[in-house]
Amino acid sequence: MKKVSLNFIAFLQAAAVVIYCGLVALFIWSGNEIFGGVPNYFGPLLFLTLFVTSALVTGLLVLGYPIKLFWIENKKKEAIKLLVETALWLVLFVALIIVLFAVYNN
């Protein structure tokens, strides 16, 4: 089996985070259509629970494999390199989203 480069794994991790965030954003954007107005305690409760769950999911997407590399496989340099490359890919995705936002709104 071919060995996949850390940069490609970092790209996949960052892309998975962006896709997940896009799905959550779509859910939030459509919230009024799905649930209607929620003038009670359950709206904020749902939002905060979704927020905490999203933090967990994105943390697992970004940190799961580097933690395995760091502690289980004892590849500390590769783990740190993967985290840095994932962060760089995320910054690139943020820049791309800003450009798309600017183009879409003009």
N, C-alpha and C. Protein backbone atom coordinates (compact mmCIF):
# COMPACT_ATOMS: atom_id res chain seq x y z
N MET A 1 0.84 -1.17 0.00
CA MET A 1 0.00 0.00 0.00
C MET A 1 0.89 1.24 0.00
N LYS A 2 0.51 2.25 -0.79
CA LYS A 2 1.28 3.47 -0.87
C LYS A 2 1.18 4.27 0.42
N LYS A 3 2.27 4.91 0.78
CA LYS A 3 2.27 5.79 1.94
C LYS A 3 1.76 7.15 1.51
N VAL A 4 0.79 7.67 2.24
CA VAL A 4 0.19 8.96 1.92
C VAL A 4 1.01 10.04 2.62
N SER A 5 1.27 11.14 1.92
CA SER A 5 2.08 12.21 2.50
C SER A 5 1.33 12.93 3.61
N LEU A 6 2.10 13.48 4.55
CA LEU A 6 1.50 14.24 5.64
C LEU A 6 0.74 15.46 5.12
N ASN A 7 1.27 16.08 4.07
CA ASN A 7 0.60 17.25 3.51
C ASN A 7 -0.78 16.89 2.97
N PHE A 8 -0.90 15.74 2.33
CA PHE A 8 -2.21 15.32 1.82
C PHE A 8 -3.16 14.98 2.97
N ILE A 9 -2.65 14.35 4.01
CA ILE A 9 -3.48 14.07 5.19
C ILE A 9 -3.94 15.38 5.82
N ALA A 10 -3.02 16.36 5.91
CA ALA A 10 -3.38 17.67 6.45
C ALA A 10 -4.47 18.32 5.62
N PHE A 11 -4.34 18.22 4.28
CA PHE A 11 -5.37 18.76 3.39
C PHE A 11 -6.71 18.08 3.65
N LEU A 12 -6.70 16.76 3.75
CA LEU A 12 -7.96 16.03 4.00
C LEU A 12 -8.58 16.40 5.34
N GLN A 13 -7.75 16.54 6.36
CA GLN A 13 -8.27 16.94 7.67
C GLN A 13 -8.89 18.32 7.61
N ALA A 14 -8.20 19.27 6.98
CA ALA A 14 -8.72 20.64 6.87
C ALA A 14 -9.99 20.67 6.01
N ALA A 15 -10.00 19.91 4.93
CA ALA A 15 -11.19 19.85 4.08
C ALA A 15 -12.37 19.25 4.84
N ALA A 16 -12.12 18.24 5.65
CA ALA A 16 -13.19 17.64 6.44
C ALA A 16 -13.76 18.65 7.43
N VAL A 17 -12.90 19.47 8.04
CA VAL A 17 -13.37 20.51 8.96
C VAL A 17 -14.22 21.53 8.21
N VAL A 18 -13.77 21.95 7.04
CA VAL A 18 -14.53 22.94 6.26
C VAL A 18 -15.88 22.36 5.83
N ILE A 19 -15.89 21.12 5.40
CA ILE A 19 -17.16 20.48 4.99
C ILE A 19 -18.09 20.38 6.19
N TYR A 20 -17.56 19.95 7.33
CA TYR A 20 -18.38 19.86 8.54
C TYR A 20 -18.92 21.23 8.94
N CYS A 21 -18.06 22.25 8.91
CA CYS A 21 -18.52 23.60 9.25
C CYS A 21 -19.58 24.08 8.27
N GLY A 22 -19.42 23.72 7.00
CA GLY A 22 -20.42 24.09 6.00
C GLY A 22 -21.77 23.44 6.29
N LEU A 23 -21.75 22.20 6.71
CA LEU A 23 -23.01 21.51 7.05
C LEU A 23 -23.66 22.12 8.28
N VAL A 24 -22.86 22.45 9.28
CA VAL A 24 -23.40 23.10 10.48
C VAL A 24 -23.94 24.48 10.13
N ALA A 25 -23.21 25.23 9.30
CA ALA A 25 -23.67 26.55 8.88
C ALA A 25 -24.99 26.45 8.12
N LEU A 26 -25.12 25.44 7.28
CA LEU A 26 -26.38 25.23 6.55
C LEU A 26 -27.51 24.93 7.52
N PHE A 27 -27.23 24.14 8.53
CA PHE A 27 -28.23 23.82 9.56
C PHE A 27 -28.65 25.08 10.31
N ILE A 28 -27.68 25.90 10.71
CA ILE A 28 -27.99 27.13 11.44
C ILE A 28 -28.74 28.11 10.53
N TRP A 29 -28.30 28.23 9.30
CA TRP A 29 -28.91 29.15 8.34
C TRP A 29 -30.38 28.78 8.10
N SER A 30 -30.69 27.49 8.11
CA SER A 30 -32.04 27.01 7.87
C SER A 30 -32.83 26.79 9.15
N GLY A 31 -32.30 27.23 10.27
CA GLY A 31 -32.92 26.95 11.56
C GLY A 31 -34.35 27.42 11.68
N ASN A 32 -34.64 28.63 11.22
CA ASN A 32 -36.02 29.13 11.31
C ASN A 32 -36.98 28.33 10.46
N GLU A 33 -36.52 27.88 9.31
CA GLU A 33 -37.38 27.06 8.44
C GLU A 33 -37.62 25.68 9.05
N ILE A 34 -36.60 25.14 9.71
CA ILE A 34 -36.72 23.80 10.28
C ILE A 34 -37.54 23.83 11.56
N PHE A 35 -37.21 24.77 12.44
CA PHE A 35 -37.83 24.77 13.77
C PHE A 35 -38.86 25.86 13.97
N GLY A 36 -38.88 26.85 13.07
CA GLY A 36 -39.72 28.02 13.31
C GLY A 36 -39.05 28.89 14.36
N GLY A 37 -39.74 29.92 14.79
CA GLY A 37 -39.19 30.74 15.87
C GLY A 37 -39.18 29.94 17.17
N VAL A 38 -38.10 30.03 17.91
CA VAL A 38 -38.01 29.29 19.16
C VAL A 38 -37.86 30.31 20.29
N PRO A 39 -39.00 30.78 20.82
CA PRO A 39 -38.94 31.83 21.84
C PRO A 39 -38.84 31.27 23.27
N ASN A 40 -38.14 30.16 23.42
CA ASN A 40 -38.04 29.58 24.76
C ASN A 40 -36.62 29.08 25.02
N TYR A 41 -36.46 28.36 26.05
CA TYR A 41 -35.16 27.87 26.54
C TYR A 41 -34.47 26.92 25.58
N PHE A 42 -35.22 26.19 24.75
CA PHE A 42 -34.63 25.12 23.95
C PHE A 42 -33.80 25.60 22.77
N GLY A 43 -34.09 26.79 22.25
CA GLY A 43 -33.27 27.33 21.16
C GLY A 43 -31.83 27.56 21.58
N PRO A 44 -31.60 28.34 22.65
CA PRO A 44 -30.22 28.52 23.11
C PRO A 44 -29.57 27.21 23.56
N LEU A 45 -30.35 26.32 24.18
CA LEU A 45 -29.81 25.03 24.60
C LEU A 45 -29.33 24.23 23.40
N LEU A 46 -30.14 24.18 22.35
CA LEU A 46 -29.75 23.47 21.13
C LEU A 46 -28.50 24.09 20.53
N PHE A 47 -28.46 25.42 20.44
CA PHE A 47 -27.30 26.08 19.85
C PHE A 47 -26.02 25.78 20.64
N LEU A 48 -26.08 25.90 21.95
CA LEU A 48 -24.88 25.66 22.75
C LEU A 48 -24.44 24.20 22.69
N THR A 49 -25.40 23.29 22.68
CA THR A 49 -25.06 21.87 22.57
C THR A 49 -24.43 21.58 21.21
N LEU A 50 -24.98 22.17 20.16
CA LEU A 50 -24.39 22.02 18.83
C LEU A 50 -22.99 22.61 18.79
N PHE A 51 -22.81 23.76 19.44
CA PHE A 51 -21.51 24.41 19.48
C PHE A 51 -20.46 23.53 20.16
N VAL A 52 -20.80 22.97 21.30
CA VAL A 52 -19.87 22.11 22.04
C VAL A 52 -19.59 20.82 21.25
N THR A 53 -20.63 20.24 20.66
CA THR A 53 -20.45 19.04 19.86
C THR A 53 -19.56 19.33 18.65
N SER A 54 -19.74 20.49 18.05
CA SER A 54 -18.91 20.87 16.91
C SER A 54 -17.46 21.04 17.32
N ALA A 55 -17.22 21.59 18.48
CA ALA A 55 -15.84 21.70 18.97
C ALA A 55 -15.22 20.32 19.14
N LEU A 56 -15.98 19.39 19.65
CA LEU A 56 -15.49 18.01 19.82
C LEU A 56 -15.20 17.37 18.46
N VAL A 57 -16.13 17.49 17.53
CA VAL A 57 -15.96 16.86 16.21
C VAL A 57 -14.75 17.46 15.49
N THR A 58 -14.66 18.78 15.45
CA THR A 58 -13.53 19.39 14.75
C THR A 58 -12.21 19.10 15.47
N GLY A 59 -12.24 19.03 16.79
CA GLY A 59 -11.04 18.64 17.54
C GLY A 59 -10.59 17.23 17.17
N LEU A 60 -11.53 16.33 17.06
CA LEU A 60 -11.18 14.96 16.66
C LEU A 60 -10.66 14.90 15.24
N LEU A 61 -11.28 15.68 14.33
CA LEU A 61 -10.83 15.68 12.94
C LEU A 61 -9.39 16.19 12.82
N VAL A 62 -9.06 17.22 13.60
CA VAL A 62 -7.74 17.83 13.48
C VAL A 62 -6.70 17.13 14.36
N LEU A 63 -7.10 16.69 15.55
CA LEU A 63 -6.13 16.17 16.51
C LEU A 63 -6.05 14.65 16.60
N GLY A 64 -7.04 13.95 16.06
CA GLY A 64 -7.07 12.49 16.23
C GLY A 64 -5.84 11.79 15.71
N TYR A 65 -5.50 11.98 14.46
CA TYR A 65 -4.35 11.30 13.89
C TYR A 65 -3.02 11.82 14.45
N PRO A 66 -2.86 13.15 14.63
CA PRO A 66 -1.61 13.60 15.26
C PRO A 66 -1.40 13.04 16.67
N ILE A 67 -2.45 12.87 17.43
CA ILE A 67 -2.31 12.27 18.76
C ILE A 67 -1.84 10.83 18.64
N LYS A 68 -2.40 10.11 17.66
CA LYS A 68 -1.96 8.74 17.42
C LYS A 68 -0.47 8.72 17.03
N LEU A 69 -0.08 9.61 16.14
CA LEU A 69 1.33 9.67 15.75
C LEU A 69 2.23 10.01 16.94
N PHE A 70 1.78 10.95 17.75
CA PHE A 70 2.61 11.45 18.86
C PHE A 70 2.78 10.41 19.95
N TRP A 71 1.68 9.85 20.44
CA TRP A 71 1.77 8.97 21.61
C TRP A 71 1.87 7.48 21.28
N ILE A 72 1.15 7.03 20.28
CA ILE A 72 1.15 5.60 20.01
C ILE A 72 2.33 5.20 19.13
N GLU A 73 2.55 5.95 18.04
CA GLU A 73 3.63 5.60 17.12
C GLU A 73 4.95 6.31 17.45
N ASN A 74 4.93 7.21 18.43
CA ASN A 74 6.11 7.93 18.89
C ASN A 74 6.81 8.68 17.75
N LYS A 75 6.01 9.28 16.88
CA LYS A 75 6.54 10.09 15.77
C LYS A 75 6.20 11.55 16.05
N LYS A 76 6.94 12.13 16.96
CA LYS A 76 6.62 13.47 17.45
C LYS A 76 6.79 14.54 16.37
N LYS A 77 7.86 14.48 15.60
CA LYS A 77 8.09 15.48 14.55
C LYS A 77 6.98 15.43 13.50
N GLU A 78 6.59 14.23 13.10
CA GLU A 78 5.54 14.09 12.10
C GLU A 78 4.20 14.62 12.64
N ALA A 79 3.93 14.36 13.91
CA ALA A 79 2.68 14.83 14.52
C ALA A 79 2.61 16.35 14.52
N ILE A 80 3.70 16.98 14.92
CA ILE A 80 3.73 18.45 14.96
C ILE A 80 3.66 19.02 13.55
N LYS A 81 4.38 18.40 12.63
CA LYS A 81 4.34 18.85 11.23
C LYS A 81 2.92 18.73 10.67
N LEU A 82 2.24 17.66 11.00
CA LEU A 82 0.87 17.47 10.53
C LEU A 82 -0.05 18.55 11.09
N LEU A 83 0.09 18.88 12.36
CA LEU A 83 -0.73 19.94 12.95
C LEU A 83 -0.48 21.28 12.28
N VAL A 84 0.78 21.60 12.05
CA VAL A 84 1.13 22.87 11.40
C VAL A 84 0.58 22.91 9.98
N GLU A 85 0.74 21.83 9.24
CA GLU A 85 0.25 21.80 7.87
C GLU A 85 -1.28 21.87 7.82
N THR A 86 -1.94 21.22 8.75
CA THR A 86 -3.40 21.31 8.81
C THR A 86 -3.83 22.75 9.08
N ALA A 87 -3.14 23.41 10.01
CA ALA A 87 -3.44 24.81 10.31
C ALA A 87 -3.24 25.68 9.08
N LEU A 88 -2.17 25.43 8.33
CA LEU A 88 -1.92 26.21 7.12
C LEU A 88 -3.00 25.97 6.07
N TRP A 89 -3.43 24.74 5.91
CA TRP A 89 -4.52 24.45 4.98
C TRP A 89 -5.81 25.15 5.42
N LEU A 90 -6.07 25.16 6.73
CA LEU A 90 -7.26 25.85 7.22
C LEU A 90 -7.19 27.35 6.94
N VAL A 91 -6.02 27.95 7.11
CA VAL A 91 -5.85 29.37 6.79
C VAL A 91 -6.10 29.61 5.30
N LEU A 92 -5.61 28.71 4.45
CA LEU A 92 -5.85 28.83 3.02
C LEU A 92 -7.35 28.72 2.70
N PHE A 93 -8.03 27.78 3.34
CA PHE A 93 -9.48 27.64 3.14
C PHE A 93 -10.23 28.89 3.61
N VAL A 94 -9.80 29.47 4.73
CA VAL A 94 -10.43 30.71 5.22
C VAL A 94 -10.25 31.82 4.18
N ALA A 95 -9.05 31.95 3.64
CA ALA A 95 -8.80 32.97 2.62
C ALA A 95 -9.68 32.73 1.40
N LEU A 96 -9.82 31.48 0.99
CA LEU A 96 -10.66 31.15 -0.15
C LEU A 96 -12.13 31.50 0.13
N ILE A 97 -12.59 31.21 1.33
CA ILE A 97 -13.97 31.54 1.71
C ILE A 97 -14.18 33.05 1.70
N ILE A 98 -13.19 33.82 2.17
CA ILE A 98 -13.29 35.28 2.15
C ILE A 98 -13.38 35.79 0.72
N VAL A 99 -12.55 35.24 -0.17
CA VAL A 99 -12.61 35.64 -1.59
C VAL A 99 -13.97 35.29 -2.19
N LEU A 100 -14.45 34.08 -1.93
CA LEU A 100 -15.76 33.70 -2.45
C LEU A 100 -16.87 34.59 -1.89
N PHE A 101 -16.77 34.94 -0.64
CA PHE A 101 -17.75 35.83 -0.01
C PHE A 101 -17.72 37.20 -0.70
N ALA A 102 -16.53 37.72 -0.94
CA ALA A 102 -16.40 39.03 -1.59
C ALA A 102 -16.95 39.00 -3.02
N VAL A 103 -16.67 37.93 -3.74
CA VAL A 103 -17.16 37.81 -5.13
C VAL A 103 -18.68 37.62 -5.13
N TYR A 104 -19.17 36.80 -4.23
CA TYR A 104 -20.61 36.50 -4.18
C TYR A 104 -21.43 37.73 -3.81
N ASN A 105 -20.90 38.59 -2.96
CA ASN A 105 -21.65 39.76 -2.49
C ASN A 105 -21.51 40.98 -3.39
N ASN A 106 -20.77 40.89 -4.49
CA ASN A 106 -20.65 42.03 -5.41
C ASN A 106 -21.39 41.81 -6.67
